[in-house]
Every structure is written in C-alpha cells, then in structure tokens.
mmCIF file of all heavy atoms, coordinates in Angstrom:
data_MODEL
# 
_entry.id   MODEL 
# 
loop_
_atom_site.group_PDB 
_atom_site.id 
_atom_site.type_symbol 
_atom_site.label_atom_id 
_atom_site.label_alt_id 
_atom_site.label_comp_id 
_atom_site.label_asym_id 
_atom_site.label_entity_id 
_atom_site.label_seq_id 
_atom_site.pdbx_PDB_ins_code 
_atom_site.Cartn_x 
_atom_site.Cartn_y 
_atom_site.Cartn_z 
_atom_site.occupancy 
_atom_site.B_iso_or_equiv 
_atom_site.pdbx_formal_charge 
_atom_site.auth_seq_id 
_atom_site.auth_comp_id 
_atom_site.auth_asym_id 
_atom_site.auth_atom_id 
_atom_site.pdbx_PDB_model_num 
ATOM 1   N N   . ARG A 1 1  ? 94.319  106.443 111.352 1.00 0.00 ? 1  ARG A N   1 
ATOM 2   C CA  . ARG A 1 1  ? 93.264  105.479 111.509 1.00 0.00 ? 1  ARG A CA  1 
ATOM 3   C C   . ARG A 1 1  ? 93.327  104.275 110.595 1.00 0.00 ? 1  ARG A C   1 
ATOM 4   O O   . ARG A 1 1  ? 92.601  103.320 110.704 1.00 0.00 ? 1  ARG A O   1 
ATOM 5   C CB  . ARG A 1 1  ? 91.951  106.103 111.494 1.00 0.00 ? 1  ARG A CB  1 
ATOM 6   C CG  . ARG A 1 1  ? 91.744  107.234 112.511 1.00 0.00 ? 1  ARG A CG  1 
ATOM 7   C CD  . ARG A 1 1  ? 90.285  107.684 112.495 1.00 0.00 ? 1  ARG A CD  1 
ATOM 8   N NE  . ARG A 1 1  ? 90.087  108.786 113.530 1.00 0.00 ? 1  ARG A NE  1 
ATOM 9   C CZ  . ARG A 1 1  ? 88.953  109.287 113.910 1.00 0.00 ? 1  ARG A CZ  1 
ATOM 10  N NH1 . ARG A 1 1  ? 87.865  108.952 113.248 1.00 0.00 ? 1  ARG A NH1 1 
ATOM 11  N NH2 . ARG A 1 1  ? 88.882  110.191 114.813 1.00 0.00 ? 1  ARG A NH2 1 
ATOM 12  N N   . ILE A 1 2  ? 94.154  104.379 109.576 1.00 0.00 ? 2  ILE A N   1 
ATOM 13  C CA  . ILE A 1 2  ? 94.215  103.354 108.562 1.00 0.00 ? 2  ILE A CA  1 
ATOM 14  C C   . ILE A 1 2  ? 95.561  102.554 108.603 1.00 0.00 ? 2  ILE A C   1 
ATOM 15  O O   . ILE A 1 2  ? 96.614  103.180 108.491 1.00 0.00 ? 2  ILE A O   1 
ATOM 16  C CB  . ILE A 1 2  ? 94.046  103.805 107.152 1.00 0.00 ? 2  ILE A CB  1 
ATOM 17  C CG1 . ILE A 1 2  ? 92.646  104.523 106.952 1.00 0.00 ? 2  ILE A CG1 1 
ATOM 18  C CG2 . ILE A 1 2  ? 94.224  102.756 106.125 1.00 0.00 ? 2  ILE A CG2 1 
ATOM 19  C CD1 . ILE A 1 2  ? 92.366  105.186 105.636 1.00 0.00 ? 2  ILE A CD1 1 
ATOM 20  N N   . ARG A 1 3  ? 95.467  101.182 108.938 1.00 0.00 ? 3  ARG A N   1 
ATOM 21  C CA  . ARG A 1 3  ? 96.691  100.422 109.007 1.00 0.00 ? 3  ARG A CA  1 
ATOM 22  C C   . ARG A 1 3  ? 96.786  99.538  107.785 1.00 0.00 ? 3  ARG A C   1 
ATOM 23  O O   . ARG A 1 3  ? 95.787  98.849  107.393 1.00 0.00 ? 3  ARG A O   1 
ATOM 24  C CB  . ARG A 1 3  ? 96.591  99.571  110.290 1.00 0.00 ? 3  ARG A CB  1 
ATOM 25  C CG  . ARG A 1 3  ? 96.593  100.485 111.522 1.00 0.00 ? 3  ARG A CG  1 
ATOM 26  C CD  . ARG A 1 3  ? 96.610  99.638  112.806 1.00 0.00 ? 3  ARG A CD  1 
ATOM 27  N NE  . ARG A 1 3  ? 96.570  100.517 113.957 1.00 0.00 ? 3  ARG A NE  1 
ATOM 28  C CZ  . ARG A 1 3  ? 97.710  101.002 114.428 1.00 0.00 ? 3  ARG A CZ  1 
ATOM 29  N NH1 . ARG A 1 3  ? 98.895  100.616 114.024 1.00 0.00 ? 3  ARG A NH1 1 
ATOM 30  N NH2 . ARG A 1 3  ? 97.565  101.767 115.582 1.00 0.00 ? 3  ARG A NH2 1 
ATOM 31  N N   . GLY A 1 4  ? 97.944  99.427  107.236 1.00 0.00 ? 4  GLY A N   1 
ATOM 32  C CA  . GLY A 1 4  ? 98.158  98.584  106.013 1.00 0.00 ? 4  GLY A CA  1 
ATOM 33  C C   . GLY A 1 4  ? 98.507  97.133  106.395 1.00 0.00 ? 4  GLY A C   1 
ATOM 34  O O   . GLY A 1 4  ? 98.267  96.658  107.501 1.00 0.00 ? 4  GLY A O   1 
ATOM 35  N N   . ARG A 1 5  ? 99.080  96.418  105.510 1.00 0.00 ? 5  ARG A N   1 
ATOM 36  C CA  . ARG A 1 5  ? 99.375  95.052  105.656 1.00 0.00 ? 5  ARG A CA  1 
ATOM 37  C C   . ARG A 1 5  ? 100.313 94.699  106.779 1.00 0.00 ? 5  ARG A C   1 
ATOM 38  O O   . ARG A 1 5  ? 100.116 93.731  107.505 1.00 0.00 ? 5  ARG A O   1 
ATOM 39  C CB  . ARG A 1 5  ? 100.004 94.533  104.377 1.00 0.00 ? 5  ARG A CB  1 
ATOM 40  C CG  . ARG A 1 5  ? 100.410 93.094  104.313 1.00 0.00 ? 5  ARG A CG  1 
ATOM 41  C CD  . ARG A 1 5  ? 101.168 92.583  103.178 1.00 0.00 ? 5  ARG A CD  1 
ATOM 42  N NE  . ARG A 1 5  ? 100.398 92.755  101.925 1.00 0.00 ? 5  ARG A NE  1 
ATOM 43  C CZ  . ARG A 1 5  ? 100.526 93.630  100.922 1.00 0.00 ? 5  ARG A CZ  1 
ATOM 44  N NH1 . ARG A 1 5  ? 101.473 94.556  101.146 1.00 0.00 ? 5  ARG A NH1 1 
ATOM 45  N NH2 . ARG A 1 5  ? 99.850  93.648  99.871  1.00 0.00 ? 5  ARG A NH2 1 
ATOM 46  N N   . ASP A 1 6  ? 101.226 95.698  106.986 1.00 0.00 ? 6  ASP A N   1 
ATOM 47  C CA  . ASP A 1 6  ? 102.233 95.398  108.151 1.00 0.00 ? 6  ASP A CA  1 
ATOM 48  C C   . ASP A 1 6  ? 101.802 95.800  109.507 1.00 0.00 ? 6  ASP A C   1 
ATOM 49  O O   . ASP A 1 6  ? 102.526 95.804  110.386 1.00 0.00 ? 6  ASP A O   1 
ATOM 50  C CB  . ASP A 1 6  ? 103.598 95.929  107.728 1.00 0.00 ? 6  ASP A CB  1 
ATOM 51  C CG  . ASP A 1 6  ? 103.555 97.455  107.639 1.00 0.00 ? 6  ASP A CG  1 
ATOM 52  O OD1 . ASP A 1 6  ? 102.468 98.107  107.865 1.00 0.00 ? 6  ASP A OD1 1 
ATOM 53  O OD2 . ASP A 1 6  ? 104.595 98.091  107.310 1.00 0.00 ? 6  ASP A OD2 1 
ATOM 54  N N   . GLY A 1 7  ? 100.500 96.406  109.546 1.00 0.00 ? 7  GLY A N   1 
ATOM 55  C CA  . GLY A 1 7  ? 99.989  96.761  110.863 1.00 0.00 ? 7  GLY A CA  1 
ATOM 56  C C   . GLY A 1 7  ? 100.310 98.156  111.244 1.00 0.00 ? 7  GLY A C   1 
ATOM 57  O O   . GLY A 1 7  ? 99.802  98.679  112.228 1.00 0.00 ? 7  GLY A O   1 
ATOM 58  N N   . ARG A 1 8  ? 101.047 98.883  110.455 1.00 0.00 ? 8  ARG A N   1 
ATOM 59  C CA  . ARG A 1 8  ? 101.383 100.271 110.728 1.00 0.00 ? 8  ARG A CA  1 
ATOM 60  C C   . ARG A 1 8  ? 100.351 101.197 110.108 1.00 0.00 ? 8  ARG A C   1 
ATOM 61  O O   . ARG A 1 8  ? 99.861  100.925 108.991 1.00 0.00 ? 8  ARG A O   1 
ATOM 62  C CB  . ARG A 1 8  ? 102.772 100.627 110.222 1.00 0.00 ? 8  ARG A CB  1 
ATOM 63  C CG  . ARG A 1 8  ? 103.885 99.977  111.016 1.00 0.00 ? 8  ARG A CG  1 
ATOM 64  C CD  . ARG A 1 8  ? 105.292 100.507 110.480 1.00 0.00 ? 8  ARG A CD  1 
ATOM 65  N NE  . ARG A 1 8  ? 105.517 100.127 109.141 1.00 0.00 ? 8  ARG A NE  1 
ATOM 66  C CZ  . ARG A 1 8  ? 106.453 100.680 108.391 1.00 0.00 ? 8  ARG A CZ  1 
ATOM 67  N NH1 . ARG A 1 8  ? 107.200 101.628 108.905 1.00 0.00 ? 8  ARG A NH1 1 
ATOM 68  N NH2 . ARG A 1 8  ? 106.627 100.297 107.053 1.00 0.00 ? 8  ARG A NH2 1 
ATOM 69  N N   . THR A 1 9  ? 100.124 102.382 110.756 1.00 0.00 ? 9  THR A N   1 
ATOM 70  C CA  . THR A 1 9  ? 99.200  103.389 110.126 1.00 0.00 ? 9  THR A CA  1 
ATOM 71  C C   . THR A 1 9  ? 99.895  104.074 109.003 1.00 0.00 ? 9  THR A C   1 
ATOM 72  O O   . THR A 1 9  ? 101.158 104.070 108.989 1.00 0.00 ? 9  THR A O   1 
ATOM 73  C CB  . THR A 1 9  ? 98.758  104.417 111.172 1.00 0.00 ? 9  THR A CB  1 
ATOM 74  O OG1 . THR A 1 9  ? 100.020 105.126 111.649 1.00 0.00 ? 9  THR A OG1 1 
ATOM 75  C CG2 . THR A 1 9  ? 98.107  103.693 112.444 1.00 0.00 ? 9  THR A CG2 1 
ATOM 76  N N   . LEU A 1 10 ? 99.133  104.745 108.207 1.00 0.00 ? 10 LEU A N   1 
ATOM 77  C CA  . LEU A 1 10 ? 99.713  105.551 107.098 1.00 0.00 ? 10 LEU A CA  1 
ATOM 78  C C   . LEU A 1 10 ? 100.604 106.676 107.701 1.00 0.00 ? 10 LEU A C   1 
ATOM 79  O O   . LEU A 1 10 ? 101.716 106.925 107.131 1.00 0.00 ? 10 LEU A O   1 
ATOM 80  C CB  . LEU A 1 10 ? 98.598  106.184 106.381 1.00 0.00 ? 10 LEU A CB  1 
ATOM 81  C CG  . LEU A 1 10 ? 97.757  105.258 105.522 1.00 0.00 ? 10 LEU A CG  1 
ATOM 82  C CD1 . LEU A 1 10 ? 96.664  106.117 104.729 1.00 0.00 ? 10 LEU A CD1 1 
ATOM 83  C CD2 . LEU A 1 10 ? 98.567  104.562 104.415 1.00 0.00 ? 10 LEU A CD2 1 
ATOM 84  N N   . ALA A 1 11 ? 100.278 107.116 108.869 1.00 0.00 ? 11 ALA A N   1 
ATOM 85  C CA  . ALA A 1 11 ? 101.096 108.203 109.538 1.00 0.00 ? 11 ALA A CA  1 
ATOM 86  C C   . ALA A 1 11 ? 102.397 107.620 109.916 1.00 0.00 ? 11 ALA A C   1 
ATOM 87  O O   . ALA A 1 11 ? 103.480 108.255 109.792 1.00 0.00 ? 11 ALA A O   1 
ATOM 88  C CB  . ALA A 1 11 ? 100.360 108.766 110.667 1.00 0.00 ? 11 ALA A CB  1 
ATOM 89  N N   . GLU A 1 12 ? 102.430 106.385 110.430 1.00 0.00 ? 12 GLU A N   1 
ATOM 90  C CA  . GLU A 1 12 ? 103.690 105.739 110.890 1.00 0.00 ? 12 GLU A CA  1 
ATOM 91  C C   . GLU A 1 12 ? 104.555 105.391 109.702 1.00 0.00 ? 12 GLU A C   1 
ATOM 92  O O   . GLU A 1 12 ? 105.748 105.457 109.758 1.00 0.00 ? 12 GLU A O   1 
ATOM 93  C CB  . GLU A 1 12 ? 103.361 104.532 111.683 1.00 0.00 ? 12 GLU A CB  1 
ATOM 94  C CG  . GLU A 1 12 ? 102.739 104.882 113.068 1.00 0.00 ? 12 GLU A CG  1 
ATOM 95  C CD  . GLU A 1 12 ? 102.104 103.678 113.772 1.00 0.00 ? 12 GLU A CD  1 
ATOM 96  O OE1 . GLU A 1 12 ? 101.850 102.563 113.083 1.00 0.00 ? 12 GLU A OE1 1 
ATOM 97  O OE2 . GLU A 1 12 ? 101.974 103.676 114.954 1.00 0.00 ? 12 GLU A OE2 1 
ATOM 98  N N   . VAL A 1 13 ? 103.917 105.032 108.587 1.00 0.00 ? 13 VAL A N   1 
ATOM 99  C CA  . VAL A 1 13 ? 104.769 104.481 107.414 1.00 0.00 ? 13 VAL A CA  1 
ATOM 100 C C   . VAL A 1 13 ? 105.369 105.785 106.806 1.00 0.00 ? 13 VAL A C   1 
ATOM 101 O O   . VAL A 1 13 ? 106.605 105.727 106.454 1.00 0.00 ? 13 VAL A O   1 
ATOM 102 C CB  . VAL A 1 13 ? 103.832 103.870 106.422 1.00 0.00 ? 13 VAL A CB  1 
ATOM 103 C CG1 . VAL A 1 13 ? 104.604 103.565 105.113 1.00 0.00 ? 13 VAL A CG1 1 
ATOM 104 C CG2 . VAL A 1 13 ? 103.436 102.528 106.960 1.00 0.00 ? 13 VAL A CG2 1 
ATOM 105 N N   . PHE A 1 14 ? 104.630 106.835 106.610 1.00 0.00 ? 14 PHE A N   1 
ATOM 106 C CA  . PHE A 1 14 ? 105.089 108.009 105.764 1.00 0.00 ? 14 PHE A CA  1 
ATOM 107 C C   . PHE A 1 14 ? 105.697 109.131 106.616 1.00 0.00 ? 14 PHE A C   1 
ATOM 108 O O   . PHE A 1 14 ? 106.374 109.971 106.100 1.00 0.00 ? 14 PHE A O   1 
ATOM 109 C CB  . PHE A 1 14 ? 104.049 108.425 104.912 1.00 0.00 ? 14 PHE A CB  1 
ATOM 110 C CG  . PHE A 1 14 ? 103.515 107.495 103.983 1.00 0.00 ? 14 PHE A CG  1 
ATOM 111 C CD1 . PHE A 1 14 ? 102.124 107.172 103.792 1.00 0.00 ? 14 PHE A CD1 1 
ATOM 112 C CD2 . PHE A 1 14 ? 104.338 106.654 103.240 1.00 0.00 ? 14 PHE A CD2 1 
ATOM 113 C CE1 . PHE A 1 14 ? 101.575 106.253 102.973 1.00 0.00 ? 14 PHE A CE1 1 
ATOM 114 C CE2 . PHE A 1 14 ? 103.813 105.765 102.294 1.00 0.00 ? 14 PHE A CE2 1 
ATOM 115 C CZ  . PHE A 1 14 ? 102.459 105.464 102.193 1.00 0.00 ? 14 PHE A CZ  1 
ATOM 116 N N   . GLY A 1 15 ? 105.380 109.175 107.912 1.00 0.00 ? 15 GLY A N   1 
ATOM 117 C CA  . GLY A 1 15 ? 106.048 110.155 108.740 1.00 0.00 ? 15 GLY A CA  1 
ATOM 118 C C   . GLY A 1 15 ? 105.611 111.545 108.185 1.00 0.00 ? 15 GLY A C   1 
ATOM 119 O O   . GLY A 1 15 ? 104.424 111.948 107.999 1.00 0.00 ? 15 GLY A O   1 
ATOM 120 N N   . THR A 1 16 ? 106.627 112.383 107.980 1.00 0.00 ? 16 THR A N   1 
ATOM 121 C CA  . THR A 1 16 ? 106.410 113.739 107.579 1.00 0.00 ? 16 THR A CA  1 
ATOM 122 C C   . THR A 1 16 ? 106.082 113.946 106.179 1.00 0.00 ? 16 THR A C   1 
ATOM 123 O O   . THR A 1 16 ? 105.858 115.037 105.574 1.00 0.00 ? 16 THR A O   1 
ATOM 124 C CB  . THR A 1 16 ? 107.475 114.698 107.987 1.00 0.00 ? 16 THR A CB  1 
ATOM 125 O OG1 . THR A 1 16 ? 108.677 114.233 107.311 1.00 0.00 ? 16 THR A OG1 1 
ATOM 126 C CG2 . THR A 1 16 ? 107.818 114.682 109.483 1.00 0.00 ? 16 THR A CG2 1 
ATOM 127 N N   . GLN A 1 17 ? 106.263 112.883 105.394 1.00 0.00 ? 17 GLN A N   1 
ATOM 128 C CA  . GLN A 1 17 ? 106.086 112.965 103.878 1.00 0.00 ? 17 GLN A CA  1 
ATOM 129 C C   . GLN A 1 17 ? 105.141 111.980 103.392 1.00 0.00 ? 17 GLN A C   1 
ATOM 130 O O   . GLN A 1 17 ? 105.477 110.909 102.825 1.00 0.00 ? 17 GLN A O   1 
ATOM 131 C CB  . GLN A 1 17 ? 107.443 112.804 103.233 1.00 0.00 ? 17 GLN A CB  1 
ATOM 132 C CG  . GLN A 1 17 ? 108.454 113.860 103.525 1.00 0.00 ? 17 GLN A CG  1 
ATOM 133 C CD  . GLN A 1 17 ? 109.689 113.742 102.583 1.00 0.00 ? 17 GLN A CD  1 
ATOM 134 O OE1 . GLN A 1 17 ? 109.650 113.341 101.449 1.00 0.00 ? 17 GLN A OE1 1 
ATOM 135 N NE2 . GLN A 1 17 ? 110.826 114.134 103.036 1.00 0.00 ? 17 GLN A NE2 1 
ATOM 136 N N   . PRO A 1 18 ? 103.876 112.206 103.600 1.00 0.00 ? 18 PRO A N   1 
ATOM 137 C CA  . PRO A 1 18 ? 102.789 111.272 102.943 1.00 0.00 ? 18 PRO A CA  1 
ATOM 138 C C   . PRO A 1 18 ? 103.028 111.077 101.472 1.00 0.00 ? 18 PRO A C   1 
ATOM 139 O O   . PRO A 1 18 ? 103.379 112.080 100.792 1.00 0.00 ? 18 PRO A O   1 
ATOM 140 C CB  . PRO A 1 18 ? 101.430 112.017 103.294 1.00 0.00 ? 18 PRO A CB  1 
ATOM 141 C CG  . PRO A 1 18 ? 101.741 112.979 104.425 1.00 0.00 ? 18 PRO A CG  1 
ATOM 142 C CD  . PRO A 1 18 ? 103.181 113.353 104.184 1.00 0.00 ? 18 PRO A CD  1 
ATOM 143 N N   . ARG A 1 19 ? 102.743 109.896 101.058 1.00 0.00 ? 19 ARG A N   1 
ATOM 144 C CA  . ARG A 1 19 ? 102.886 109.675 99.571  1.00 0.00 ? 19 ARG A CA  1 
ATOM 145 C C   . ARG A 1 19 ? 101.912 108.636 99.254  1.00 0.00 ? 19 ARG A C   1 
ATOM 146 O O   . ARG A 1 19 ? 101.442 107.767 99.948  1.00 0.00 ? 19 ARG A O   1 
ATOM 147 C CB  . ARG A 1 19 ? 104.377 109.171 99.274  1.00 0.00 ? 19 ARG A CB  1 
ATOM 148 C CG  . ARG A 1 19 ? 104.727 107.936 99.995  1.00 0.00 ? 19 ARG A CG  1 
ATOM 149 C CD  . ARG A 1 19 ? 106.191 107.720 99.904  1.00 0.00 ? 19 ARG A CD  1 
ATOM 150 N NE  . ARG A 1 19 ? 106.921 108.691 100.782 1.00 0.00 ? 19 ARG A NE  1 
ATOM 151 C CZ  . ARG A 1 19 ? 108.251 108.843 100.670 1.00 0.00 ? 19 ARG A CZ  1 
ATOM 152 N NH1 . ARG A 1 19 ? 109.014 108.137 99.989  1.00 0.00 ? 19 ARG A NH1 1 
ATOM 153 N NH2 . ARG A 1 19 ? 108.844 109.693 101.527 1.00 0.00 ? 19 ARG A NH2 1 
ATOM 154 N N   . ALA A 1 20 ? 101.520 108.807 97.985  1.00 0.00 ? 20 ALA A N   1 
ATOM 155 C CA  . ALA A 1 20 ? 100.532 107.839 97.339  1.00 0.00 ? 20 ALA A CA  1 
ATOM 156 C C   . ALA A 1 20 ? 100.678 107.930 95.840  1.00 0.00 ? 20 ALA A C   1 
ATOM 157 O O   . ALA A 1 20 ? 101.122 108.896 95.326  1.00 0.00 ? 20 ALA A O   1 
ATOM 158 C CB  . ALA A 1 20 ? 99.094  108.181 97.685  1.00 0.00 ? 20 ALA A CB  1 
ATOM 159 N N   . TYR A 1 21 ? 100.456 106.837 95.143  1.00 0.00 ? 21 TYR A N   1 
ATOM 160 C CA  . TYR A 1 21 ? 100.402 106.826 93.752  1.00 0.00 ? 21 TYR A CA  1 
ATOM 161 C C   . TYR A 1 21 ? 99.296  107.596 93.091  1.00 0.00 ? 21 TYR A C   1 
ATOM 162 O O   . TYR A 1 21 ? 98.218  107.256 93.455  1.00 0.00 ? 21 TYR A O   1 
ATOM 163 C CB  . TYR A 1 21 ? 100.514 105.395 93.220  1.00 0.00 ? 21 TYR A CB  1 
ATOM 164 C CG  . TYR A 1 21 ? 100.617 105.271 91.657  1.00 0.00 ? 21 TYR A CG  1 
ATOM 165 C CD1 . TYR A 1 21 ? 101.604 106.018 90.916  1.00 0.00 ? 21 TYR A CD1 1 
ATOM 166 C CD2 . TYR A 1 21 ? 99.540  104.611 90.997  1.00 0.00 ? 21 TYR A CD2 1 
ATOM 167 C CE1 . TYR A 1 21 ? 101.572 105.963 89.540  1.00 0.00 ? 21 TYR A CE1 1 
ATOM 168 C CE2 . TYR A 1 21 ? 99.580  104.495 89.545  1.00 0.00 ? 21 TYR A CE2 1 
ATOM 169 C CZ  . TYR A 1 21 ? 100.559 105.257 88.934  1.00 0.00 ? 21 TYR A CZ  1 
ATOM 170 O OH  . TYR A 1 21 ? 100.554 105.185 87.548  1.00 0.00 ? 21 TYR A OH  1 
ATOM 171 N N   . LEU A 1 22 ? 99.637  108.615 92.347  1.00 0.00 ? 22 LEU A N   1 
ATOM 172 C CA  . LEU A 1 22 ? 98.724  109.480 91.837  1.00 0.00 ? 22 LEU A CA  1 
ATOM 173 C C   . LEU A 1 22 ? 97.736  110.184 92.875  1.00 0.00 ? 22 LEU A C   1 
ATOM 174 O O   . LEU A 1 22 ? 96.733  110.569 92.536  1.00 0.00 ? 22 LEU A O   1 
ATOM 175 C CB  . LEU A 1 22 ? 97.803  108.803 90.708  1.00 0.00 ? 22 LEU A CB  1 
ATOM 176 C CG  . LEU A 1 22 ? 98.491  108.223 89.543  1.00 0.00 ? 22 LEU A CG  1 
ATOM 177 C CD1 . LEU A 1 22 ? 97.537  107.527 88.597  1.00 0.00 ? 22 LEU A CD1 1 
ATOM 178 C CD2 . LEU A 1 22 ? 99.194  109.406 88.707  1.00 0.00 ? 22 LEU A CD2 1 
ATOM 179 N N   . GLY A 1 23 ? 98.261  110.225 94.076  1.00 0.00 ? 23 GLY A N   1 
ATOM 180 C CA  . GLY A 1 23 ? 97.572  110.743 95.136  1.00 0.00 ? 23 GLY A CA  1 
ATOM 181 C C   . GLY A 1 23 ? 96.310  109.962 95.500  1.00 0.00 ? 23 GLY A C   1 
ATOM 182 O O   . GLY A 1 23 ? 95.405  110.480 96.210  1.00 0.00 ? 23 GLY A O   1 
ATOM 183 N N   . THR A 1 24 ? 96.287  108.733 95.084  1.00 0.00 ? 24 THR A N   1 
ATOM 184 C CA  . THR A 1 24 ? 94.936  107.946 95.207  1.00 0.00 ? 24 THR A CA  1 
ATOM 185 C C   . THR A 1 24 ? 95.098  106.527 95.738  1.00 0.00 ? 24 THR A C   1 
ATOM 186 O O   . THR A 1 24 ? 94.305  106.189 96.548  1.00 0.00 ? 24 THR A O   1 
ATOM 187 C CB  . THR A 1 24 ? 94.344  107.745 93.786  1.00 0.00 ? 24 THR A CB  1 
ATOM 188 O OG1 . THR A 1 24 ? 94.226  109.094 93.196  1.00 0.00 ? 24 THR A OG1 1 
ATOM 189 C CG2 . THR A 1 24 ? 92.907  107.204 93.874  1.00 0.00 ? 24 THR A CG2 1 
ATOM 190 N N   . THR A 1 25 ? 96.236  105.809 95.536  1.00 0.00 ? 25 THR A N   1 
ATOM 191 C CA  . THR A 1 25 ? 96.340  104.502 96.048  1.00 0.00 ? 25 THR A CA  1 
ATOM 192 C C   . THR A 1 25 ? 97.739  104.432 96.748  1.00 0.00 ? 25 THR A C   1 
ATOM 193 O O   . THR A 1 25 ? 98.685  105.158 96.524  1.00 0.00 ? 25 THR A O   1 
ATOM 194 C CB  . THR A 1 25 ? 96.423  103.436 94.886  1.00 0.00 ? 25 THR A CB  1 
ATOM 195 O OG1 . THR A 1 25 ? 97.322  103.848 93.862  1.00 0.00 ? 25 THR A OG1 1 
ATOM 196 C CG2 . THR A 1 25 ? 94.958  103.417 94.310  1.00 0.00 ? 25 THR A CG2 1 
ATOM 197 N N   . PHE A 1 26 ? 97.882  103.374 97.599  1.00 0.00 ? 26 PHE A N   1 
ATOM 198 C CA  . PHE A 1 26 ? 99.069  103.260 98.524  1.00 0.00 ? 26 PHE A CA  1 
ATOM 199 C C   . PHE A 1 26 ? 99.628  101.797 98.545  1.00 0.00 ? 26 PHE A C   1 
ATOM 200 O O   . PHE A 1 26 ? 98.987  100.861 98.712  1.00 0.00 ? 26 PHE A O   1 
ATOM 201 C CB  . PHE A 1 26 ? 98.479  103.596 100.056 1.00 0.00 ? 26 PHE A CB  1 
ATOM 202 C CG  . PHE A 1 26 ? 98.006  104.858 100.113 1.00 0.00 ? 26 PHE A CG  1 
ATOM 203 C CD1 . PHE A 1 26 ? 96.689  105.168 99.877  1.00 0.00 ? 26 PHE A CD1 1 
ATOM 204 C CD2 . PHE A 1 26 ? 98.837  105.927 100.712 1.00 0.00 ? 26 PHE A CD2 1 
ATOM 205 C CE1 . PHE A 1 26 ? 96.172  106.501 100.102 1.00 0.00 ? 26 PHE A CE1 1 
ATOM 206 C CE2 . PHE A 1 26 ? 98.279  107.209 100.962 1.00 0.00 ? 26 PHE A CE2 1 
ATOM 207 C CZ  . PHE A 1 26 ? 96.921  107.483 100.667 1.00 0.00 ? 26 PHE A CZ  1 
ATOM 208 N N   . SER A 1 27 ? 100.964 101.852 98.246  1.00 0.00 ? 27 SER A N   1 
ATOM 209 C CA  . SER A 1 27 ? 101.721 100.627 98.429  1.00 0.00 ? 27 SER A CA  1 
ATOM 210 C C   . SER A 1 27 ? 101.675 100.168 99.847  1.00 0.00 ? 27 SER A C   1 
ATOM 211 O O   . SER A 1 27 ? 101.780 100.973 100.825 1.00 0.00 ? 27 SER A O   1 
ATOM 212 C CB  . SER A 1 27 ? 103.218 100.875 98.032  1.00 0.00 ? 27 SER A CB  1 
ATOM 213 O OG  . SER A 1 27 ? 103.923 99.664  98.291  1.00 0.00 ? 27 SER A OG  1 
ATOM 214 N N   . GLY A 1 28 ? 101.370 98.876  100.085 1.00 0.00 ? 28 GLY A N   1 
ATOM 215 C CA  . GLY A 1 28 ? 101.149 98.349  101.499 1.00 0.00 ? 28 GLY A CA  1 
ATOM 216 C C   . GLY A 1 28 ? 99.782  98.434  101.960 1.00 0.00 ? 28 GLY A C   1 
ATOM 217 O O   . GLY A 1 28 ? 99.491  97.862  102.960 1.00 0.00 ? 28 GLY A O   1 
ATOM 218 N N   . CYS A 1 29 ? 98.868  99.003  101.179 1.00 0.00 ? 29 CYS A N   1 
ATOM 219 C CA  . CYS A 1 29 ? 97.470  99.090  101.532 1.00 0.00 ? 29 CYS A CA  1 
ATOM 220 C C   . CYS A 1 29 ? 96.588  98.681  100.347 1.00 0.00 ? 29 CYS A C   1 
ATOM 221 O O   . CYS A 1 29 ? 96.045  99.500  99.630  1.00 0.00 ? 29 CYS A O   1 
ATOM 222 C CB  . CYS A 1 29 ? 97.094  100.452 102.021 1.00 0.00 ? 29 CYS A CB  1 
ATOM 223 S SG  . CYS A 1 29 ? 97.867  101.064 103.508 1.00 0.00 ? 29 CYS A SG  1 
ATOM 224 N N   . PRO A 1 30 ? 96.463  97.349  100.112 1.00 0.00 ? 30 PRO A N   1 
ATOM 225 C CA  . PRO A 1 30 ? 95.696  96.924  98.977  1.00 0.00 ? 30 PRO A CA  1 
ATOM 226 C C   . PRO A 1 30 ? 94.183  97.457  99.006  1.00 0.00 ? 30 PRO A C   1 
ATOM 227 O O   . PRO A 1 30 ? 93.639  97.640  100.162 1.00 0.00 ? 30 PRO A O   1 
ATOM 228 C CB  . PRO A 1 30 ? 95.661  95.380  99.132  1.00 0.00 ? 30 PRO A CB  1 
ATOM 229 C CG  . PRO A 1 30 ? 96.874  95.118  99.918  1.00 0.00 ? 30 PRO A CG  1 
ATOM 230 C CD  . PRO A 1 30 ? 97.037  96.230  100.824 1.00 0.00 ? 30 PRO A CD  1 
# 
C-alpha cells in the first residue's frame, strides 16, 4: 500500500527480501 518516489510499492521494490535501514527507514521513501 506504500509507494515511494518512483511509484513502486515497497513489495514491488524489495520482492522476497524486504529491507530497511535499522528496520525503520527506507531508501526511496522519504
């Protein structure tokens, strides 16, 4: 349900390996 700067959802960006810095913030999602 969350789309970043490039219009893709987090699921589309990360596929089978979700990732976030410190489990808290996301590159591409200010």
